[in-house]
């Protein structure tokens, strides 16, 4: 028996450790360094309806404990993805989850309509941290009603996994999570990056072109854990947790907080093998704790501090 096996919706994954969108390209970039089939799922870089160059440089900078980015959803577009990227993933990866981004709900729907014509895709992660131009620039997952309406629209188009990816930049993520569940989501993933900025004190300029951007890396793990814990206690669908995971110990914290699966993000830039190493570490941990399955760990946080 594989102690790491999990199930989300009707899809089984041989390990609950995935790679996060935007940190692993389309899989090809890391294929010479790691066996993609050893990773629970490859979550692709965001795909839009048309190719996008992204934001001008500089759009990435390191900080004391993480990475600040404003890539601007650079991507090849859905038609180029299915022609040039998807065949490689089919041949070399296990589960494929396509991350989808758009400026309007209609753009999400158009991307899904194209992808539905192609096999070997396990599901769609909906990047709901994109600004919604019809809602005055608010992110899709900053209002429960918009999250529910948008998720329901995608749910009607597919029988594949529908996984809204939620922003942490809200007061109560539990309300957004419940809206996604009510709309028929198979799971939710969180957190996306935290809003942040950095300043060059020598020339008094921002260190990225857009001034503010998305902050990721080890510094956001406590925030991510709190949001995952809140969401997992609000919904009955699986929660996929991410934010600052560098080692198996980090991942175990997310499972104890209620996550069904986790995603490794920024750590992939340091070592593309991190997801595989994390999975191996979890397996050894389960054996040491005499637990038969990762499911025996999920949500088992003891809600009292030992004195």
Protein backbone atom coordinates (compact mmCIF):
# COMPACT_ATOMS: atom_id res chain seq x y z
CA UNK A 1 0.00 0.00 0.00
CA UNK A 2 1.22 3.47 -0.86
CA UNK A 3 0.88 5.60 2.31
CA UNK A 4 1.02 8.83 0.29
CA UNK A 5 -1.89 8.09 -2.04
CA UNK A 6 -4.74 10.62 -1.93
CA UNK A 7 -7.93 11.25 -3.86
CA UNK A 8 -9.44 14.57 -4.90
CA UNK A 9 -12.80 14.23 -6.57
CA UNK A 10 -12.48 11.17 -8.79
CA UNK A 11 -8.75 11.61 -9.38
CA UNK A 12 -6.10 9.65 -7.48
CA UNK A 13 -2.61 11.03 -6.90
CA UNK A 14 0.30 8.79 -5.90
CA UNK A 15 1.73 11.54 -3.70
CA UNK A 16 0.11 14.64 -2.18
CA UNK A 17 3.07 16.87 -3.05
CA UNK A 18 2.53 18.96 -6.20
CA UNK A 19 4.53 21.78 -7.77
CA UNK A 20 2.96 25.23 -7.75
CA UNK A 21 2.02 27.24 -10.81
CA UNK A 22 4.58 29.76 -11.96
CA UNK A 23 7.52 28.04 -10.27
CA UNK A 24 8.01 25.06 -12.57
CA UNK A 25 7.26 26.41 -16.03
CA UNK A 26 5.47 23.85 -18.17
CA UNK A 27 7.54 20.92 -16.88
CA UNK A 28 10.03 20.87 -19.73
CA UNK A 29 12.31 23.32 -17.95
CA UNK A 30 13.01 20.88 -15.10
CA UNK A 31 12.70 17.52 -16.86
CA UNK A 32 16.47 17.02 -17.08
CA UNK A 33 16.79 17.47 -13.32
CA UNK A 34 13.88 15.48 -11.92
CA UNK A 35 11.58 12.65 -13.01
CA UNK A 36 8.27 14.46 -13.46
CA UNK A 37 6.33 11.26 -12.77
CA UNK A 38 7.59 11.27 -9.19
CA UNK A 39 5.69 14.50 -8.54
CA UNK A 40 2.05 14.23 -7.47
CA UNK A 41 0.88 16.75 -10.07
CA UNK A 42 2.43 19.34 -12.32
CA UNK A 43 0.45 22.56 -11.96
CA UNK A 44 1.34 24.51 -15.06
CA UNK A 45 2.26 28.12 -15.41
CA UNK A 46 -0.90 30.21 -15.86
CA UNK A 47 -2.51 29.90 -19.29
CA UNK A 48 -4.59 32.68 -20.85
CA UNK A 49 -6.66 32.88 -23.99
CA UNK A 50 -3.88 34.73 -25.88
CA UNK A 51 -0.08 34.93 -25.48
CA UNK A 52 1.13 37.55 -23.02
CA UNK A 53 4.59 39.07 -22.56
CA UNK A 54 4.00 40.06 -18.96
CA UNK A 55 5.23 43.13 -17.12
CA UNK A 56 8.41 45.04 -18.01
CA UNK A 57 11.62 44.49 -16.06
CA UNK A 58 12.52 44.58 -13.25
CA UNK A 59 9.77 42.23 -12.13
CA UNK A 60 11.54 39.93 -9.68
CA UNK A 61 13.67 40.59 -6.61
CA UNK A 62 14.90 38.67 -3.60
CA UNK A 63 14.25 39.94 -0.10
CA UNK A 64 15.50 38.83 3.32
CA UNK A 65 13.22 35.81 3.50
CA UNK A 66 11.46 35.38 0.20
CA UNK A 67 10.83 36.46 -3.36
CA UNK A 68 8.87 39.45 -4.65
CA UNK A 69 7.47 39.13 -8.15
CA UNK A 70 5.29 40.92 -10.64
CA UNK A 71 5.63 38.69 -13.69
CA UNK A 72 2.30 39.81 -15.10
CA UNK A 73 0.99 36.39 -16.15
CA UNK A 74 3.46 35.94 -19.00
CA UNK A 75 2.32 32.87 -20.92
CA UNK A 76 2.24 31.25 -24.36
CA UNK A 77 -1.55 31.31 -24.76
CA UNK A 78 -3.85 28.31 -24.76
CA UNK A 79 -3.47 27.39 -28.45
CA UNK A 80 0.32 27.33 -28.22
CA UNK A 81 0.06 25.42 -24.95
CA UNK A 82 -1.95 22.56 -26.43
CA UNK A 83 0.28 22.44 -29.52
CA UNK A 84 3.71 22.81 -27.93
CA UNK A 85 3.57 22.12 -24.18
CA UNK A 86 0.80 19.61 -23.51
CA UNK A 87 2.28 16.80 -25.67
CA UNK A 88 5.49 16.86 -23.60
CA UNK A 89 3.56 16.75 -20.34
CA UNK A 90 1.46 13.84 -21.59
CA UNK A 91 4.62 11.89 -22.38
CA UNK A 92 6.68 12.70 -19.29
CA UNK A 93 4.44 13.76 -16.39
CA UNK A 94 1.85 12.05 -14.25
CA UNK A 95 -1.14 14.15 -13.30
CA UNK A 96 -1.50 17.47 -15.13
CA UNK A 97 -3.40 20.39 -13.63
CA UNK A 98 -3.64 23.45 -15.85
CA UNK A 99 -3.64 26.80 -14.09
CA UNK A 100 -5.96 29.25 -15.89
CA UNK A 101 -5.92 33.04 -15.73
CA UNK A 102 -8.05 35.74 -17.31
CA UNK A 103 -9.16 39.35 -17.10
CA UNK A 104 -12.84 38.41 -17.34
CA UNK A 105 -14.88 35.31 -16.59
CA UNK A 106 -15.43 34.91 -20.32
CA UNK A 107 -11.68 34.48 -20.83
CA UNK A 108 -11.59 31.66 -18.27
CA UNK A 109 -14.49 30.00 -20.04
CA UNK A 110 -12.80 30.32 -23.43
CA UNK A 111 -9.60 28.70 -22.17
CA UNK A 112 -11.51 25.81 -20.61
CA UNK A 113 -13.49 25.31 -23.83
CA UNK A 114 -10.23 24.81 -25.74
CA UNK A 115 -8.67 22.51 -23.12
CA UNK A 116 -11.80 20.34 -22.93
CA UNK A 117 -10.99 19.15 -26.45
CA UNK A 118 -7.72 17.57 -25.27
CA UNK A 119 -7.09 14.48 -23.16
CA UNK A 120 -4.80 13.79 -20.19
CA UNK A 121 -5.70 16.86 -18.14
CA UNK A 122 -6.76 16.01 -14.58
CA UNK A 123 -8.22 19.38 -13.79
CA UNK A 124 -8.09 23.15 -13.75
CA UNK A 125 -6.68 25.41 -11.07
CA UNK A 126 -8.42 28.76 -11.43
CA UNK A 127 -6.08 31.66 -10.71
CA UNK A 128 -8.62 33.83 -8.94
CA UNK A 129 -5.97 36.32 -7.85
CA UNK A 130 -6.24 37.99 -11.25
CA UNK A 131 -7.81 41.49 -11.32
CA UNK A 132 -11.37 41.28 -12.64
CA UNK A 133 -11.82 44.22 -15.02
CA UNK A 134 -15.61 44.00 -14.65
CA UNK A 135 -15.32 44.36 -10.86
CA UNK A 136 -13.16 47.47 -10.86
CA UNK A 137 -9.90 45.54 -10.66
CA UNK A 138 -10.78 43.49 -7.58
CA UNK A 139 -9.35 39.98 -7.59
CA UNK A 140 -11.87 37.25 -8.45
CA UNK A 141 -11.45 35.70 -4.99
CA UNK A 142 -11.81 38.90 -2.97
CA UNK A 143 -15.63 38.78 -3.05
CA UNK A 144 -17.53 35.62 -2.13
CA UNK A 145 -20.29 36.29 -4.65
CA UNK A 146 -17.86 36.70 -7.54
CA UNK A 147 -15.96 33.57 -6.49
CA UNK A 148 -19.17 31.54 -6.36
CA UNK A 149 -20.53 32.82 -9.67
CA UNK A 150 -17.21 32.34 -11.48
CA UNK A 151 -16.59 28.87 -10.07
CA UNK A 152 -20.11 27.76 -10.97
CA UNK A 153 -19.63 28.96 -14.55
CA UNK A 154 -16.51 26.81 -14.97
CA UNK A 155 -18.15 23.88 -13.18
CA UNK A 156 -20.86 23.81 -15.85
CA UNK A 157 -18.23 23.40 -18.58
CA UNK A 158 -16.31 20.40 -17.30
CA UNK A 159 -16.33 17.15 -15.34
CA UNK A 160 -12.63 17.55 -14.60
CA UNK A 161 -11.37 18.85 -11.28
CA UNK A 162 -12.20 22.50 -10.64
CA UNK A 163 -9.85 24.05 -8.07
CA UNK A 164 -10.16 27.78 -7.35
CA UNK A 165 -6.86 29.22 -6.10
CA UNK A 166 -7.57 31.78 -3.42
CA UNK A 167 -5.79 34.96 -2.43
CA UNK A 168 -4.73 35.52 1.19
CA UNK A 169 -5.43 39.24 0.79
CA UNK A 170 -8.90 39.08 2.34
CA UNK A 171 -10.25 39.42 5.88
CA UNK A 172 -12.03 36.04 6.06
CA UNK A 173 -10.80 33.43 3.61
CA UNK A 174 -13.34 30.98 5.09
CA UNK A 175 -16.18 32.92 3.44
CA UNK A 176 -14.48 32.72 0.05
CA UNK A 177 -13.76 29.02 0.56
CA UNK A 178 -17.41 28.29 1.38
CA UNK A 179 -18.50 30.18 -1.74
CA UNK A 180 -16.22 28.03 -3.90
CA UNK A 181 -17.57 24.86 -2.29
CA UNK A 182 -21.18 25.97 -2.80
CA UNK A 183 -20.44 26.48 -6.50
CA UNK A 184 -19.27 22.90 -6.96
CA UNK A 185 -15.50 23.17 -6.61
CA UNK A 186 -13.76 19.82 -6.11
CA UNK A 187 -11.07 21.45 -3.95
CA UNK A 188 -9.55 24.82 -3.19
CA UNK A 189 -5.89 25.79 -3.21
CA UNK A 190 -4.30 28.48 -1.08
CA UNK A 191 -2.49 30.66 -0.51
CA UNK A 192 -1.46 32.65 -3.51
CA UNK A 193 1.18 35.31 -2.93
CA UNK A 194 0.89 38.00 -0.27
CA UNK A 195 0.94 41.63 -1.40
CA UNK A 196 4.37 43.15 -0.75
CA UNK A 197 6.95 45.67 -1.87
CA UNK A 198 10.66 46.45 -1.59
CA UNK A 199 12.56 49.74 -1.98
CA UNK A 200 16.10 50.54 -3.07
CA UNK A 201 17.22 53.11 -0.49
CA UNK A 202 20.15 54.31 -2.61
CA UNK A 203 18.02 55.63 -5.49
CA UNK A 204 14.64 55.76 -3.66
CA UNK A 205 12.97 53.60 -6.27
CA UNK A 206 10.85 50.46 -5.98
CA UNK A 207 12.76 47.26 -6.66
CA UNK A 208 10.12 45.99 -9.10
CA UNK A 209 8.52 47.93 -11.94
CA UNK A 210 4.96 47.70 -10.64
CA UNK A 211 5.98 48.98 -7.16
CA UNK A 212 3.96 46.28 -5.36
CA UNK A 213 3.89 42.60 -6.23
CA UNK A 214 3.35 39.12 -4.90
CA UNK A 215 5.51 37.95 -2.02
CA UNK A 216 6.34 34.26 -1.58
CA UNK A 217 8.85 32.06 0.20
CA UNK A 218 9.61 31.03 3.80
CA UNK A 219 8.39 34.28 5.36
CA UNK A 220 4.76 33.65 4.38
CA UNK A 221 4.45 30.13 5.84
CA UNK A 222 2.81 31.21 9.12
CA UNK A 223 0.28 33.25 7.14
CA UNK A 224 -0.38 30.33 4.81
CA UNK A 225 -0.83 27.88 7.68
CA UNK A 226 -3.37 30.15 9.35
CA UNK A 227 -5.36 30.58 6.13
CA UNK A 228 -5.28 26.85 5.34
CA UNK A 229 -6.42 26.04 8.88
CA UNK A 230 -9.27 28.55 8.61
CA UNK A 231 -10.39 27.24 5.22
CA UNK A 232 -10.11 23.56 6.14
CA UNK A 233 -12.35 24.13 9.14
CA UNK A 234 -14.94 25.90 7.00
CA UNK A 235 -15.40 23.43 4.12
CA UNK A 236 -15.66 19.69 3.56
CA UNK A 237 -13.87 19.63 0.18
CA UNK A 238 -10.09 19.06 0.07
CA UNK A 239 -7.75 21.97 0.70
CA UNK A 240 -4.44 22.13 -1.16
CA UNK A 241 -2.02 24.16 0.94
CA UNK A 242 1.02 26.14 -0.12
CA UNK A 243 3.21 28.97 1.03
CA UNK A 244 6.80 28.72 2.19
CA UNK A 245 7.25 24.95 1.96
CA UNK A 246 10.94 24.07 1.67
CA UNK A 247 11.18 20.72 3.48
CA UNK A 248 9.02 17.80 4.56
CA UNK A 249 8.63 19.29 8.04
CA UNK A 250 6.91 22.32 6.52
CA UNK A 251 4.52 20.08 4.60
CA UNK A 252 3.64 18.07 7.71
CA UNK A 253 2.50 21.30 9.37
CA UNK A 254 0.09 21.91 6.50
CA UNK A 255 -1.36 18.40 6.76
CA UNK A 256 -1.85 18.80 10.51
CA UNK A 257 -3.62 22.10 9.79
CA UNK A 258 -6.07 20.27 7.53
CA UNK A 259 -4.57 20.18 4.04
CA UNK A 260 -5.17 17.14 1.82
CA UNK A 261 -2.28 18.02 -0.49
CA UNK A 262 0.45 20.63 -0.70
CA UNK A 263 2.29 22.53 -3.40
CA UNK A 264 5.97 23.45 -3.43
CA UNK A 265 6.57 26.84 -5.01
CA UNK A 266 9.49 29.22 -4.53
CA UNK A 267 11.75 26.38 -3.33
CA UNK A 268 11.68 24.98 -6.88
CA UNK A 269 13.89 27.86 -7.99
CA UNK A 270 16.56 26.66 -5.57
CA UNK A 271 16.16 22.93 -6.27
CA UNK A 272 13.61 21.51 -8.76
CA UNK A 273 13.78 18.20 -6.88
CA UNK A 274 12.27 19.68 -3.73
CA UNK A 275 8.78 18.21 -4.24
CA UNK A 276 10.19 14.70 -4.57
CA UNK A 277 12.42 15.17 -1.53
CA UNK A 278 9.49 16.48 0.51
CA UNK A 279 7.38 13.44 -0.42
CA UNK A 280 10.18 11.07 0.59
CA UNK A 281 10.55 12.84 3.92
CA UNK A 282 6.83 12.61 4.62
CA UNK A 283 6.89 8.89 3.88
CA UNK A 284 9.68 8.34 6.40
CA UNK A 285 7.83 10.48 8.94
CA UNK A 286 4.65 8.42 8.59
CA UNK A 287 6.64 5.23 9.13
CA UNK A 288 8.32 6.68 12.21
CA UNK A 289 4.92 7.68 13.61
CA UNK A 290 3.45 4.28 12.67
CA UNK A 291 0.77 5.89 10.52
CA UNK A 292 -0.57 3.83 7.62
CA UNK A 293 -1.63 6.76 5.45
CA UNK A 294 -1.15 10.48 4.99
CA UNK A 295 -4.90 10.70 5.58
CA UNK A 296 -4.25 9.68 9.21
CA UNK A 297 -2.31 12.92 9.65
CA UNK A 298 -4.74 15.36 8.06
CA UNK A 299 -6.35 17.81 10.46
CA UNK A 300 -4.93 16.15 13.57
CA UNK A 301 -3.70 19.37 15.13
CA UNK A 302 -3.91 19.14 18.92
CA UNK A 303 -5.59 22.38 19.91
CA UNK A 304 -3.78 22.88 23.18
CA UNK A 305 -0.21 23.94 23.83
CA UNK A 306 1.75 21.56 26.05
CA UNK A 307 2.80 23.32 29.25
